[in-house]
Amino acid sequence: MHFDFAYFLSLFSLPAFWQASLTVVELSALSWVAGMLLGFPLALAKLSGKRWLTTPANLYIWFFRSVPLLVVIVFVFNLPQIFPASGMVLSNPFSAGFISLVVTEAAYMAEIHRGGLLSVARGQYEAGTALGIRALGLQRLVVIPQAFRIALPTLVNEFITCVKLTSLVSVISLTELLMVGQRLYAQNFLVLETLLAIAIYYVMIVTVFGWMLHHAERWLDLTRRRAGTLSDVELASLRDRPLSTPPAPAKSIAKNATKALRLANIHKRYGNHEVLKGIDLEVGIGEVISIIGPSGSGKTSLICTINALERIDAGEIDLFGDAYIKAGARPDSPLQRAGRNRIGMVFQSFNLFPHRTILDNVVMAPRYHHRGANEDLEQRAMALLDKVGMLAHAHKYPHQLSGGQQQRVAIARALAMEPDIMLFDEPTSALDPELVGDVLAVISDLAKDGMTMVIVTHEMNFAMSVSDRVVFMEAGIVRLAASPELIRISPEAERVRRFIGIESRFGANQADMVSPAI
């Protein structure tokens, strides 16, 4: 028995095969897109942590990943026997195949999306939340774009799987490639030639669409984007633009309020481990407080409670004389959201949004909160970038910047919300030593401008030079809160001096000069 090359080659000019190829493309593309869209809410439900959402999502994914697609196709196609009204749709093989593929692919897509969502760093959620962006906005602006880019290679692979799975729909007589081939070799018995032609048609479809999707993947690859530094002429042009100030949001300050922050009896635990054991602290308006202490003393947990990134188990926090956070209060309440919008936060790991340019990072939150016209907001963002020495890099992406540059952008991003208080969580600990000075200089300038600041830092010389008071924490409590001058001379500050690494210089009559740990 010989291979009939003439017949084999003739199959590539047969209109029925090209029409069937178009059916395969339509069915696979539509199923892939619909499955991807349906899979995303399933992934969110599975990750929600709420049992009424996770249980049905888990059951759906478990069931449709367990049942063979062929069984689903036959069942869906015969469903009109149980529900006659569905016959108008399901009696059509294309519609039945489409629905079967979608409900099955959604289960697999959900797991792909879940992997992408889990790969988005927690710091991205914290940064968005600190900017006052709510859950849906956070997903739309920050999480989904990053998760989609991470999951895209696997999603492309799943499209190829969809193309091949369309062959199973031939069981309900859809005129696709395999069905056309079966009809042919049933008449001429040239099985090998027909199946090889079918295989080549599938290879062509997968190759063409695989190339297109791979090109899209490369286009979305941020590491391939290399925006340049602005020239001196461009910088001069940007600086010459008139700066219009958008209307500032209404901010309430209680009558006769003298304190920007008041923390009373703050307790915080993770499981059985209590990290904050009754913190009392007051921060005056315009005051700069540095929080120091050994690792594990609760410094970061404390600063995160101020911005409502961590819930407290006991105590309360007031902001400019108004109630702000109370233990047991509903998370993300209107009161908390209003207070958080008055607080800017800079993180240890920068937490810039990698899929957005430097300018977009700064302008995103004010735009989300409708703080003004887009052009005005961009001008203000440019002014802030100029203030921190980053205007020349406005159109670059975070991956193009050094750590010190990223941290200065993070400061500009926090300032774009016009906060009344700035929080810094070890802003220099992730930087190389030669980059620390630039970031500290920006913070020092903010202190000179009268910004109220709470700074968690390991830069002891900086803390002692820029702070109005230094708060020393150890084992979850405030051991001492005093001015740098008193820390240098008071006998009560001996433990702090040892931690900082400065010599003891005090007189016996100065022991009562230390301010209480408030």
Protein backbone atom coordinates (compact mmCIF):
# COMPACT_ATOMS: atom_id res chain seq x y z
CA MET A 1 0.00 0.00 0.00
CA HIS A 2 1.61 3.28 -1.12
CA PHE A 3 1.15 6.85 0.14
CA ASP A 4 -0.99 8.86 -2.30
CA PHE A 5 0.86 12.21 -2.48
CA ALA A 6 -1.40 13.63 -5.17
CA TYR A 7 -4.49 13.09 -3.03
CA PHE A 8 -2.65 14.38 0.05
CA LEU A 9 -1.67 17.62 -1.69
CA SER A 10 -5.16 18.07 -3.11
CA LEU A 11 -6.57 18.30 0.41
CA PHE A 12 -4.94 21.71 0.85
CA SER A 13 -7.05 23.20 -1.91
CA LEU A 14 -10.29 21.65 -0.67
CA PRO A 15 -12.74 24.43 0.41
CA ALA A 16 -14.34 22.15 3.00
CA PHE A 17 -11.06 21.93 4.94
CA TRP A 18 -10.52 25.70 4.92
CA GLN A 19 -14.10 26.25 6.07
CA ALA A 20 -13.55 23.68 8.81
CA SER A 21 -10.31 25.47 9.78
CA LEU A 22 -12.26 28.69 10.17
CA THR A 23 -14.73 26.87 12.42
CA VAL A 24 -11.84 25.59 14.56
CA VAL A 25 -10.38 29.09 14.86
CA GLU A 26 -13.74 30.62 15.80
CA LEU A 27 -14.60 27.92 18.32
CA SER A 28 -11.19 27.84 19.99
CA ALA A 29 -10.74 31.64 20.12
CA LEU A 30 -14.23 32.28 21.49
CA SER A 31 -13.91 29.47 24.03
CA TRP A 32 -10.47 30.69 25.13
CA VAL A 33 -11.62 34.28 25.65
CA ALA A 34 -14.86 33.30 27.40
CA GLY A 35 -13.10 30.71 29.56
CA MET A 36 -10.47 33.26 30.52
CA LEU A 37 -13.13 35.82 31.49
CA LEU A 38 -15.17 33.30 33.48
CA GLY A 39 -12.07 31.84 35.12
CA PHE A 40 -10.99 35.14 36.66
CA PRO A 41 -13.95 35.62 39.04
CA LEU A 42 -13.59 31.93 39.94
CA ALA A 43 -9.96 32.57 40.90
CA LEU A 44 -10.94 35.63 42.94
CA ALA A 45 -13.66 33.64 44.69
CA LYS A 46 -11.20 30.87 45.54
CA LEU A 47 -8.75 33.40 46.99
CA SER A 48 -11.36 35.46 48.82
CA GLY A 49 -11.13 33.56 52.10
CA LYS A 50 -14.91 33.71 52.45
CA ARG A 51 -16.39 30.21 52.70
CA TRP A 52 -19.60 31.08 50.85
CA LEU A 53 -17.41 32.02 47.87
CA THR A 54 -14.51 29.59 48.14
CA THR A 55 -16.66 26.46 48.57
CA PRO A 56 -18.68 26.76 45.33
CA ALA A 57 -15.58 27.91 43.43
CA ASN A 58 -13.60 24.91 44.67
CA LEU A 59 -16.44 22.54 43.82
CA TYR A 60 -16.77 23.95 40.31
CA ILE A 61 -13.05 23.71 39.61
CA TRP A 62 -12.79 20.22 41.10
CA PHE A 63 -15.77 18.90 39.14
CA PHE A 64 -14.95 20.25 35.68
CA ARG A 65 -11.28 19.32 35.97
CA SER A 66 -12.34 15.77 36.85
CA VAL A 67 -14.98 15.13 34.17
CA PRO A 68 -13.66 14.36 30.64
CA LEU A 69 -14.51 17.03 28.09
CA LEU A 70 -16.05 14.43 25.80
CA VAL A 71 -18.59 13.56 28.51
CA VAL A 72 -19.41 17.23 29.02
CA ILE A 73 -19.95 17.74 25.28
CA VAL A 74 -22.32 14.79 24.94
CA PHE A 75 -24.20 15.79 28.11
CA VAL A 76 -24.64 19.43 27.05
CA PHE A 77 -25.75 18.45 23.54
CA ASN A 78 -28.41 16.11 24.98
CA LEU A 79 -29.59 18.52 27.68
CA PRO A 80 -32.70 19.50 25.64
CA GLN A 81 -34.07 16.05 26.50
CA ILE A 82 -34.31 17.29 30.12
CA PHE A 83 -34.90 20.97 29.43
CA PRO A 84 -36.68 21.27 26.09
CA ALA A 85 -36.48 25.06 26.14
CA SER A 86 -32.68 24.84 25.80
CA GLY A 87 -33.03 23.10 22.45
CA MET A 88 -33.05 26.40 20.57
CA VAL A 89 -29.40 26.88 21.57
CA LEU A 90 -27.98 23.47 22.41
CA SER A 91 -29.32 21.66 19.37
CA ASN A 92 -26.71 23.62 17.39
CA PRO A 93 -23.42 21.63 17.57
CA PHE A 94 -21.31 24.81 17.52
CA SER A 95 -23.22 26.33 20.47
CA ALA A 96 -23.15 23.09 22.45
CA GLY A 97 -19.43 22.67 21.80
CA PHE A 98 -18.74 26.27 22.71
CA ILE A 99 -20.59 26.03 26.04
CA SER A 100 -18.91 22.72 26.86
CA LEU A 101 -15.45 24.11 26.16
CA VAL A 102 -16.10 27.28 28.13
CA VAL A 103 -17.36 25.62 31.31
CA THR A 104 -14.44 23.17 31.20
CA GLU A 105 -11.73 25.67 30.28
CA ALA A 106 -12.94 28.10 32.96
CA ALA A 107 -11.88 25.58 35.62
CA TYR A 108 -8.37 25.41 34.19
CA MET A 109 -8.20 29.15 33.53
CA ALA A 110 -9.18 29.81 37.16
CA GLU A 111 -6.09 27.98 38.36
CA ILE A 112 -3.90 29.85 35.88
CA HIS A 113 -5.33 33.18 37.04
CA ARG A 114 -4.92 32.12 40.66
CA GLY A 115 -1.24 31.49 40.04
CA GLY A 116 -0.90 34.93 38.48
CA LEU A 117 -2.74 36.63 41.34
CA LEU A 118 -0.64 34.85 43.95
CA SER A 119 2.49 36.03 42.15
CA VAL A 120 1.62 39.71 42.64
CA ALA A 121 3.66 40.83 45.64
CA ARG A 122 1.81 41.69 48.82
CA GLY A 123 3.56 45.06 48.79
CA GLN A 124 1.56 46.00 45.69
CA TYR A 125 -1.68 45.55 47.61
CA GLU A 126 -0.29 47.52 50.56
CA ALA A 127 0.92 50.36 48.36
CA GLY A 128 -2.46 50.65 46.63
CA THR A 129 -4.32 50.49 49.92
CA ALA A 130 -2.04 53.13 51.47
CA LEU A 131 -2.99 55.42 48.57
CA GLY A 132 -6.67 55.01 49.44
CA ILE A 133 -7.50 52.84 46.42
CA ARG A 134 -10.42 50.55 47.22
CA ALA A 135 -10.71 46.84 46.44
CA LEU A 136 -12.18 47.02 42.92
CA GLY A 137 -9.92 49.88 41.91
CA LEU A 138 -6.93 48.03 43.31
CA GLN A 139 -7.75 44.99 41.21
CA ARG A 140 -8.35 47.06 38.08
CA LEU A 141 -5.38 49.41 38.32
CA VAL A 142 -2.72 47.37 40.08
CA VAL A 143 -3.36 43.65 40.46
CA ILE A 144 -5.03 42.46 37.25
CA PRO A 145 -2.53 44.09 34.84
CA GLN A 146 0.36 42.47 36.70
CA ALA A 147 -1.34 39.10 37.18
CA PHE A 148 -2.30 38.95 33.50
CA ARG A 149 1.28 39.58 32.39
CA ILE A 150 2.54 36.87 34.73
CA ALA A 151 -0.08 34.35 33.60
CA LEU A 152 0.10 35.17 29.88
CA PRO A 153 2.60 32.44 28.83
CA THR A 154 0.41 29.78 30.45
CA LEU A 155 -2.74 31.32 28.99
CA VAL A 156 -1.16 31.16 25.53
CA ASN A 157 -0.40 27.49 26.08
CA GLU A 158 -4.03 26.95 27.10
CA PHE A 159 -5.16 28.49 23.80
CA ILE A 160 -3.19 25.83 21.95
CA THR A 161 -4.94 23.24 24.10
CA CYS A 162 -8.31 24.77 23.12
CA VAL A 163 -7.44 24.45 19.43
CA LYS A 164 -6.71 20.75 19.81
CA LEU A 165 -9.74 20.08 22.00
CA THR A 166 -12.10 21.33 19.29
CA SER A 167 -11.56 17.98 17.54
CA LEU A 168 -13.69 16.34 20.25
CA VAL A 169 -16.72 18.35 19.15
CA SER A 170 -16.87 16.15 16.05
CA VAL A 171 -18.67 13.63 18.28
CA ILE A 172 -21.81 15.81 18.01
CA SER A 173 -21.34 16.28 14.25
CA LEU A 174 -19.82 19.75 14.19
CA THR A 175 -18.26 20.24 10.77
CA GLU A 176 -14.72 20.90 11.92
CA LEU A 177 -11.42 19.47 10.63
CA LEU A 178 -11.70 15.97 12.06
CA MET A 179 -15.33 15.57 10.97
CA VAL A 180 -14.48 16.64 7.39
CA GLY A 181 -11.57 14.20 7.37
CA GLN A 182 -13.66 11.34 8.71
CA ARG A 183 -16.24 11.83 5.97
CA LEU A 184 -13.49 11.76 3.34
CA TYR A 185 -11.61 8.65 4.44
CA ALA A 186 -14.90 6.85 5.03
CA GLN A 187 -15.43 7.17 1.28
CA ASN A 188 -11.91 6.59 -0.10
CA PHE A 189 -10.21 4.73 2.77
CA LEU A 190 -7.11 6.94 2.46
CA VAL A 191 -6.87 7.30 6.24
CA LEU A 192 -3.16 8.09 6.62
CA GLU A 193 -3.11 10.82 3.97
CA THR A 194 -6.25 12.46 5.34
CA LEU A 195 -5.12 12.41 8.96
CA LEU A 196 -1.70 13.81 8.05
CA ALA A 197 -3.39 16.69 6.20
CA ILE A 198 -5.60 17.32 9.25
CA ALA A 199 -2.50 17.38 11.45
CA ILE A 200 -0.85 19.96 9.18
CA TYR A 201 -3.97 22.15 9.24
CA TYR A 202 -3.82 22.09 13.06
CA VAL A 203 -0.09 22.86 12.99
CA MET A 204 -0.71 25.86 10.73
CA ILE A 205 -3.47 27.19 12.99
CA VAL A 206 -1.38 26.76 16.14
CA THR A 207 1.72 28.25 14.49
CA VAL A 208 -0.02 31.37 13.20
CA PHE A 209 -1.93 32.14 16.38
CA GLY A 210 0.96 31.05 18.56
CA TRP A 211 3.18 33.55 16.77
CA MET A 212 0.58 36.31 17.19
CA LEU A 213 0.17 35.62 20.90
CA HIS A 214 3.93 35.35 21.39
CA HIS A 215 4.30 38.74 19.73
CA ALA A 216 1.67 40.14 22.10
CA GLU A 217 3.55 38.60 25.02
CA ARG A 218 6.78 40.29 23.93
CA TRP A 219 4.95 43.61 23.50
CA LEU A 220 3.62 43.36 27.07
CA ASP A 221 7.06 42.46 28.47
CA LEU A 222 8.01 45.52 30.53
CA THR A 223 11.68 44.57 30.70
CA ARG A 224 11.89 45.28 26.97
CA ARG A 225 10.69 48.86 27.41
CA ARG A 226 13.58 51.32 27.63
CA ALA A 227 12.38 54.90 27.90
CA GLY A 228 15.21 57.43 27.82
CA THR A 229 16.24 60.21 30.18
CA LEU A 230 14.74 63.61 29.32
CA SER A 231 17.14 66.12 27.84
CA ASP A 232 17.96 69.47 29.43
CA VAL A 233 15.78 71.22 26.84
CA GLU A 234 12.81 68.97 27.66
CA LEU A 235 13.34 69.51 31.39
CA ALA A 236 13.43 73.28 30.94
CA SER A 237 10.20 73.13 28.93
CA LEU A 238 8.46 71.12 31.66
CA ARG A 239 9.64 73.47 34.40
CA ASP A 240 8.35 76.51 32.50
CA ARG A 241 4.78 75.23 32.41
CA PRO A 242 2.37 77.06 34.74
CA LEU A 243 1.40 74.91 37.71
CA SER A 244 -2.27 74.97 38.65
CA THR A 245 -3.25 73.61 42.03
CA PRO A 246 -6.29 71.32 42.14
CA PRO A 247 -8.76 71.97 44.95
CA ALA A 248 -7.59 70.36 48.16
CA PRO A 249 -10.01 67.89 49.78
CA ALA A 250 -11.81 69.05 52.89
CA LYS A 251 -9.93 68.01 56.01
CA SER A 252 -11.36 68.20 59.49
CA ILE A 253 -9.26 69.23 62.46
CA ALA A 254 -10.95 69.09 65.81
CA LYS A 255 -11.19 72.40 67.64
CA ASN A 256 -8.04 73.12 69.66
CA ALA A 257 -6.37 69.95 68.37
CA THR A 258 -2.63 70.08 69.07
CA LYS A 259 -1.78 66.49 68.21
CA ALA A 260 -1.59 65.04 64.74
CA LEU A 261 -1.74 61.49 66.11
CA ARG A 262 -2.72 59.93 69.40
CA LEU A 263 -2.22 56.20 69.94
CA ALA A 264 -3.77 54.82 73.11
CA ASN A 265 -3.13 51.30 74.47
CA ILE A 266 -2.45 49.73 71.06
CA HIS A 267 -2.28 45.94 71.10
CA LYS A 268 -1.56 43.74 68.10
CA ARG A 269 -1.02 40.02 67.87
CA TYR A 270 -0.39 37.49 65.13
CA GLY A 271 -1.87 34.25 66.38
CA ASN A 272 -0.44 33.68 69.84
CA HIS A 273 2.42 36.12 69.31
CA GLU A 274 1.74 39.59 70.70
CA VAL A 275 3.90 42.14 68.86
CA LEU A 276 2.45 45.33 70.35
CA LYS A 277 1.76 45.29 74.07
CA GLY A 278 -0.04 48.50 74.90
CA ILE A 279 1.58 51.33 72.93
CA ASP A 280 0.83 54.92 74.00
CA LEU A 281 2.24 57.61 71.74
CA GLU A 282 1.39 61.16 70.76
CA VAL A 283 2.76 63.02 67.74
CA GLY A 284 2.42 66.79 67.62
CA ILE A 285 1.52 68.72 64.47
CA GLY A 286 4.74 69.36 62.55
CA GLU A 287 6.74 67.03 64.80
CA VAL A 288 9.27 64.52 63.44
CA ILE A 289 9.36 61.24 65.35
CA SER A 290 11.92 58.51 64.67
CA ILE A 291 11.16 55.01 65.92
CA ILE A 292 14.21 52.84 66.56
CA GLY A 293 14.80 49.51 68.23
CA PRO A 294 16.08 45.99 67.65
CA SER A 295 14.57 43.78 64.94
CA GLY A 296 11.31 42.19 66.03
CA SER A 297 10.45 44.95 68.47
CA GLY A 298 7.19 45.80 66.63
CA LYS A 299 8.25 48.98 64.81
CA THR A 300 6.87 48.05 61.39
CA SER A 301 3.68 46.61 62.90
CA LEU A 302 3.16 49.88 64.77
CA ILE A 303 3.56 52.08 61.71
CA CYS A 304 1.27 49.82 59.67
CA THR A 305 -1.48 50.15 62.28
CA ILE A 306 -1.31 53.95 61.90
CA ASN A 307 -2.16 53.59 58.22
CA ALA A 308 -4.80 50.90 58.88
CA LEU A 309 -2.78 48.32 56.94
CA GLU A 310 -2.92 46.14 60.06
CA ARG A 311 -5.91 45.77 62.36
CA ILE A 312 -5.46 46.40 66.06
CA ASP A 313 -6.74 44.02 68.74
CA ALA A 314 -7.17 46.69 71.41
CA GLY A 315 -6.85 50.44 71.76
CA GLU A 316 -7.67 53.38 69.53
CA ILE A 317 -6.00 55.94 67.28
CA ASP A 318 -7.12 59.56 66.86
CA LEU A 319 -6.13 61.75 63.91
CA PHE A 320 -6.00 65.51 64.46
CA GLY A 321 -8.38 65.18 67.39
CA ASP A 322 -10.93 63.05 65.53
CA ALA A 323 -11.64 59.34 65.98
CA TYR A 324 -9.82 57.33 63.31
CA ILE A 325 -9.27 53.67 64.23
CA LYS A 326 -10.79 51.60 67.02
CA ALA A 327 -10.30 47.95 67.85
CA GLY A 328 -13.09 45.85 66.40
CA ALA A 329 -14.18 48.55 63.94
CA ARG A 330 -15.16 47.46 60.45
CA PRO A 331 -12.11 47.35 58.16
CA ASP A 332 -12.03 49.94 55.40
CA SER A 333 -14.84 51.95 56.99
CA PRO A 334 -15.54 55.47 55.64
CA LEU A 335 -13.84 56.86 58.75
CA GLN A 336 -10.69 54.85 58.08
CA ARG A 337 -10.68 55.71 54.38
CA ALA A 338 -10.99 59.43 55.09
CA GLY A 339 -8.16 59.24 57.62
CA ARG A 340 -5.91 57.14 55.39
CA ASN A 341 -6.20 59.73 52.62
CA ARG A 342 -4.49 62.21 54.95
CA ILE A 343 -1.54 59.90 55.56
CA GLY A 344 1.23 59.16 53.07
CA MET A 345 3.38 56.07 53.45
CA VAL A 346 6.76 55.10 52.02
CA PHE A 347 7.72 51.43 52.22
CA GLN A 348 11.01 49.70 52.78
CA SER A 349 10.81 47.88 49.43
CA PHE A 350 9.56 50.92 47.44
CA ASN A 351 6.48 49.01 46.16
CA LEU A 352 6.28 51.04 42.97
CA PHE A 353 3.83 49.67 40.41
CA PRO A 354 6.12 47.96 37.85
CA HIS A 355 3.64 48.10 34.96
CA ARG A 356 3.36 51.91 35.11
CA THR A 357 5.82 54.66 34.25
CA ILE A 358 7.29 56.83 36.97
CA LEU A 359 4.88 59.64 36.06
CA ASP A 360 1.91 57.24 36.12
CA ASN A 361 2.99 55.94 39.53
CA VAL A 362 2.81 59.46 40.95
CA VAL A 363 -0.37 60.58 39.25
CA MET A 364 -2.44 57.38 39.58
CA ALA A 365 -3.88 57.91 43.08
CA PRO A 366 -4.87 61.61 42.63
CA ARG A 367 -6.48 60.66 39.32
CA TYR A 368 -8.36 57.80 40.99
CA HIS A 369 -9.62 60.17 43.70
CA HIS A 370 -10.61 62.83 41.11
CA ARG A 371 -8.34 65.48 42.58
CA GLY A 372 -8.39 67.56 39.39
CA ALA A 373 -8.13 67.55 35.62
CA ASN A 374 -5.68 65.05 34.20
CA GLU A 375 -3.40 67.74 32.75
CA ASP A 376 -3.23 69.59 36.08
CA LEU A 377 -2.49 66.38 37.96
CA GLU A 378 0.33 65.51 35.58
CA GLN A 379 1.85 68.98 36.00
CA ARG A 380 1.77 68.60 39.78
CA ALA A 381 3.29 65.13 39.49
CA MET A 382 6.09 66.58 37.36
CA ALA A 383 6.67 69.25 40.01
CA LEU A 384 6.93 66.61 42.74
CA LEU A 385 9.33 64.52 40.66
CA ASP A 386 11.42 67.64 40.17
CA LYS A 387 11.36 68.23 43.92
CA VAL A 388 12.86 64.79 44.60
CA GLY A 389 15.30 65.05 41.69
CA MET A 390 13.57 62.52 39.42
CA LEU A 391 11.96 64.68 36.73
CA ALA A 392 14.44 63.56 34.06
CA HIS A 393 13.25 59.96 34.53
CA ALA A 394 9.50 60.68 34.37
CA HIS A 395 8.80 58.37 31.42
CA LYS A 396 10.91 55.45 32.56
CA TYR A 397 9.67 52.31 34.28
CA PRO A 398 10.68 51.31 37.83
CA HIS A 399 12.93 48.49 36.59
CA GLN A 400 15.11 51.11 34.87
CA LEU A 401 15.90 52.91 38.14
CA SER A 402 18.29 52.25 40.99
CA GLY A 403 16.97 51.55 44.47
CA GLY A 404 17.61 55.10 45.66
CA GLN A 405 15.83 56.52 42.64
CA GLN A 406 12.84 54.24 43.17
CA GLN A 407 12.58 55.31 46.80
CA ARG A 408 12.58 58.98 45.82
CA VAL A 409 9.78 58.26 43.37
CA ALA A 410 7.90 56.47 46.15
CA ILE A 411 8.19 59.62 48.28
CA ALA A 412 6.84 61.73 45.40
CA ARG A 413 3.97 59.27 44.94
CA ALA A 414 3.01 59.58 48.62
CA LEU A 415 3.26 63.39 48.49
CA ALA A 416 0.97 63.53 45.45
CA MET A 417 -1.98 62.86 47.74
CA GLU A 418 -1.09 66.01 49.73
CA PRO A 419 -0.92 64.16 53.06
CA ASP A 420 -0.83 65.85 56.45
CA ILE A 421 1.37 63.08 57.87
CA MET A 422 4.13 61.04 56.26
CA LEU A 423 5.07 57.56 57.46
CA PHE A 424 8.40 55.98 56.51
CA ASP A 425 9.03 52.29 57.13
CA GLU A 426 12.81 51.84 57.09
CA PRO A 427 13.10 53.80 53.82
CA THR A 428 16.84 53.17 53.40
CA SER A 429 17.31 49.60 54.62
CA ALA A 430 16.98 48.10 51.11
CA LEU A 431 19.49 50.52 49.58
CA ASP A 432 23.20 50.30 48.92
CA PRO A 433 25.19 52.57 51.28
CA GLU A 434 26.04 55.10 48.54
CA LEU A 435 22.33 55.56 47.72
CA VAL A 436 21.17 56.24 51.27
CA GLY A 437 22.23 59.89 51.35
CA ASP A 438 19.97 61.00 48.49
CA VAL A 439 16.86 59.55 50.13
CA LEU A 440 17.71 60.95 53.56
CA ALA A 441 18.26 64.37 52.01
CA VAL A 442 14.71 64.34 50.59
CA ILE A 443 13.30 63.37 54.00
CA SER A 444 15.35 66.10 55.69
CA ASP A 445 13.90 68.65 53.28
CA LEU A 446 10.39 67.52 54.21
CA ALA A 447 11.25 67.99 57.89
CA LYS A 448 12.43 71.53 57.16
CA ASP A 449 9.12 72.19 55.38
CA GLY A 450 7.26 71.35 58.60
CA MET A 451 5.81 67.99 57.52
CA THR A 452 4.59 65.79 60.37
CA MET A 453 6.56 62.55 60.06
CA VAL A 454 6.91 59.18 61.77
CA ILE A 455 10.03 57.38 60.62
CA VAL A 456 11.04 53.81 61.38
CA THR A 457 14.76 53.71 60.72
CA HIS A 458 18.07 52.01 61.42
CA GLU A 459 19.99 55.15 60.40
CA MET A 460 20.88 56.27 63.93
CA ASN A 461 22.83 59.39 62.99
CA PHE A 462 19.96 60.51 60.80
CA ALA A 463 17.39 59.82 63.55
CA MET A 464 19.41 61.79 66.08
CA SER A 465 19.91 64.74 63.73
CA VAL A 466 16.47 65.19 62.13
CA SER A 467 14.06 64.11 64.90
CA ASP A 468 12.26 66.18 67.48
CA ARG A 469 11.89 63.00 69.51
CA VAL A 470 13.31 59.50 69.24
CA VAL A 471 11.10 56.59 70.33
CA PHE A 472 12.95 53.45 71.40
CA MET A 473 10.90 50.23 71.17
CA GLU A 474 11.82 46.84 72.52
CA ALA A 475 9.78 43.65 72.93
CA GLY A 476 6.58 45.34 71.77
CA ILE A 477 6.60 48.30 74.16
CA VAL A 478 7.96 51.86 74.14
CA ARG A 479 10.95 51.91 76.47
CA LEU A 480 11.76 55.56 76.02
CA ALA A 481 10.59 58.63 74.10
CA ALA A 482 12.91 61.59 74.36
CA SER A 483 14.62 64.32 72.41
CA PRO A 484 18.03 63.51 70.90
CA GLU A 485 19.65 65.95 73.34
CA LEU A 486 18.21 64.15 76.36
CA ILE A 487 19.15 60.76 74.97
CA ARG A 488 22.77 61.91 74.80
CA ILE A 489 22.92 63.07 78.43
CA SER A 490 20.29 61.26 80.50
CA PRO A 491 21.10 58.23 82.67
CA GLU A 492 17.66 56.81 81.82
CA ALA A 493 18.76 56.53 78.19
CA GLU A 494 21.75 54.26 78.80
CA ARG A 495 20.10 51.31 76.99
CA VAL A 496 19.27 53.54 74.03
CA ARG A 497 22.84 54.88 73.86
CA ARG A 498 24.20 51.34 73.81
CA PHE A 499 21.83 50.47 70.99
CA ILE A 500 22.77 53.59 69.02
CA GLY A 501 26.45 53.21 69.78
CA ILE A 502 27.22 56.56 71.42
CA GLU A 503 29.16 57.16 74.64
CA SER A 504 27.48 57.97 77.95
CA ARG A 505 27.77 61.68 78.83
CA PHE A 506 25.48 62.84 81.63
CA GLY A 507 25.44 64.26 85.14
CA ALA A 508 23.68 62.83 88.17
CA ASN A 509 21.34 65.81 88.45
CA GLN A 510 19.96 65.30 84.93
CA ALA A 511 18.18 62.02 85.54
CA ASP A 512 14.78 63.69 85.71
CA MET A 513 15.04 65.45 82.36
CA VAL A 514 13.77 62.58 80.22
CA SER A 515 10.25 63.02 78.92
CA PRO A 516 7.89 60.14 79.68
CA ALA A 517 7.33 57.48 77.05
CA ILE A 518 4.20 58.88 75.49
